[in-house]
Protein backbone atom coordinates (compact mmCIF):
# COMPACT_ATOMS: atom_id res chain seq x y z
CA MET A 1 -41.00 13.96 22.50
CA ASN A 2 -39.49 10.75 21.13
CA TYR A 3 -42.09 10.80 18.37
CA LYS A 4 -41.05 14.32 17.27
CA LEU A 5 -37.36 13.36 17.07
CA THR A 6 -38.21 10.32 14.95
CA VAL A 7 -40.27 12.44 12.54
CA ILE A 8 -37.50 15.06 12.30
CA ALA A 9 -34.89 12.36 11.60
CA ILE A 10 -37.04 10.76 8.88
CA VAL A 11 -37.70 14.12 7.21
CA ALA A 12 -33.98 15.03 7.35
CA LEU A 13 -32.97 11.70 5.81
CA GLY A 14 -35.64 12.08 3.13
CA VAL A 15 -34.35 15.53 2.17
CA MET A 16 -30.75 14.29 2.06
CA GLY A 17 -31.80 11.35 -0.12
CA CYS A 18 -33.24 13.72 -2.70
CA SER A 19 -30.09 15.81 -3.00
CA SER A 20 -27.51 15.42 -5.75
CA SER A 21 -23.78 15.81 -6.06
CA GLU A 22 -21.43 17.36 -8.63
CA VAL A 23 -19.83 13.96 -9.12
CA GLU A 24 -22.73 11.81 -10.29
CA ASN A 25 -20.68 9.15 -12.11
CA TYR A 26 -17.89 8.78 -9.54
CA GLN A 27 -16.68 5.22 -9.09
CA LEU A 28 -13.95 4.46 -6.56
CA PHE A 29 -13.14 0.95 -7.77
CA PRO A 30 -13.23 -0.35 -11.35
CA ASP A 31 -15.76 -3.01 -12.31
CA GLU A 32 -12.97 -5.46 -13.10
CA TYR A 33 -9.19 -5.61 -13.32
CA VAL A 34 -7.80 -5.09 -16.83
CA SER A 35 -4.12 -5.92 -17.28
CA ASN A 36 -3.42 -3.94 -20.47
CA VAL A 37 -4.01 -0.49 -18.93
CA GLU A 38 -0.86 1.68 -18.86
CA TYR A 39 -1.25 2.71 -15.21
CA ASP A 40 -3.59 0.38 -13.34
CA SER A 41 -4.05 -0.03 -9.61
CA ILE A 42 -1.54 -2.89 -9.36
CA TYR A 43 1.11 -0.71 -11.04
CA HIS A 44 0.37 2.12 -8.56
CA TYR A 45 0.57 -0.32 -5.66
CA GLY A 46 3.98 -1.51 -6.85
CA TYR A 47 5.15 2.06 -7.45
CA ASN A 48 4.22 3.10 -3.91
CA GLN A 49 5.93 0.06 -2.39
CA GLY A 50 9.05 0.62 -4.49
CA CYS A 51 9.24 4.28 -3.50
CA GLU A 52 8.78 3.49 0.18
CA SER A 53 11.48 0.83 -0.07
CA ALA A 54 13.93 3.33 -1.58
CA LEU A 55 13.11 5.84 1.16
CA ASN A 56 13.73 3.14 3.77
CA LEU A 57 17.22 2.51 2.35
CA LYS A 58 17.91 6.27 2.58
CA GLY A 59 17.04 6.19 6.30
CA GLN A 60 13.64 7.90 6.16
CA PRO A 61 11.73 7.30 9.41
CA ASP A 62 8.52 5.24 9.31
CA MET A 63 9.32 3.76 5.89
CA ASP A 64 9.49 0.01 5.37
CA TYR A 65 11.27 -2.00 2.72
CA LEU A 66 8.32 -3.70 1.05
CA LYS A 67 7.74 -5.99 -1.88
CA ASP A 68 4.48 -7.89 -2.02
CA ILE A 69 5.49 -11.56 -2.27
CA THR A 70 2.13 -12.52 -3.80
CA LEU A 71 2.46 -10.07 -6.72
CA ASP A 72 6.25 -10.29 -7.13
CA ASN A 73 6.97 -11.96 -10.50
CA SER A 74 3.24 -12.33 -11.20
CA ASP A 75 1.56 -11.74 -14.54
CA THR A 76 0.71 -8.13 -13.58
CA ARG A 77 2.46 -4.77 -13.81
CA PHE A 78 3.43 -4.84 -10.14
CA ASN A 79 7.18 -5.36 -10.74
CA GLU A 80 7.31 -2.60 -13.36
CA GLY A 81 5.61 -0.22 -10.92
CA TRP A 82 7.90 -1.29 -8.06
CA ASP A 83 11.03 -0.73 -10.16
CA ASP A 84 9.78 2.67 -11.38
CA GLY A 85 8.86 3.79 -7.85
CA ASN A 86 12.16 2.58 -6.44
CA ALA A 87 14.12 4.46 -9.12
CA ALA A 88 12.04 7.64 -8.71
CA CYS A 89 12.63 7.84 -4.95
CA LYS A 90 16.26 6.63 -4.82
CA ASP A 91 17.50 10.12 -3.88
CA GLY A 92 15.44 10.07 -0.65
CA VAL A 93 12.61 12.33 -1.85
CA ARG A 94 9.09 10.91 -2.22
CA ARG A 95 7.76 11.38 -5.72
CA ILE A 96 4.10 10.74 -6.37
CA MET A 97 3.11 9.53 -9.80
CA PRO A 98 1.61 12.33 -11.90
CA THR A 99 -1.21 9.95 -12.85
CA SER A 100 -2.19 9.46 -9.18
CA LYS A 101 -5.37 11.47 -9.04
CA ILE A 102 -9.05 10.77 -8.56
CA SER A 103 -11.29 12.05 -11.27
CA SER A 104 -15.01 11.87 -11.70
CA VAL A 105 -14.70 10.60 -15.25
CA PRO A 106 -13.03 7.21 -15.81
CA ALA A 107 -10.16 7.16 -18.28
CA GLN A 108 -11.01 5.72 -21.68
CA GLY A 109 -10.53 1.97 -21.89
CA THR A 110 -9.97 1.34 -18.17
CA TYR A 111 -13.13 -0.72 -17.77
């Protein structure tokens, strides 16, 4: 019986390995960090921390006042993102960046 289960598992894995997906060229992380991109991951990280910090000051539960000390005043777009996120959420409502979406096609010039 153990032999039959092994054969079934191998056949199932073989069939799954031959399947394809709609998103063939999907890449979760870029090949390298590029600092001249308008909205890069460091900017988004700063934006999210700035927004959460503004929500914390408005008394939102489970929100922390955050500012990454490693990236603060670094040669990245972190501070710009933090300031933008803090300003966007100052009224106590979380606002997600309109560019925060995952797409199957990388934006031109990102990597």
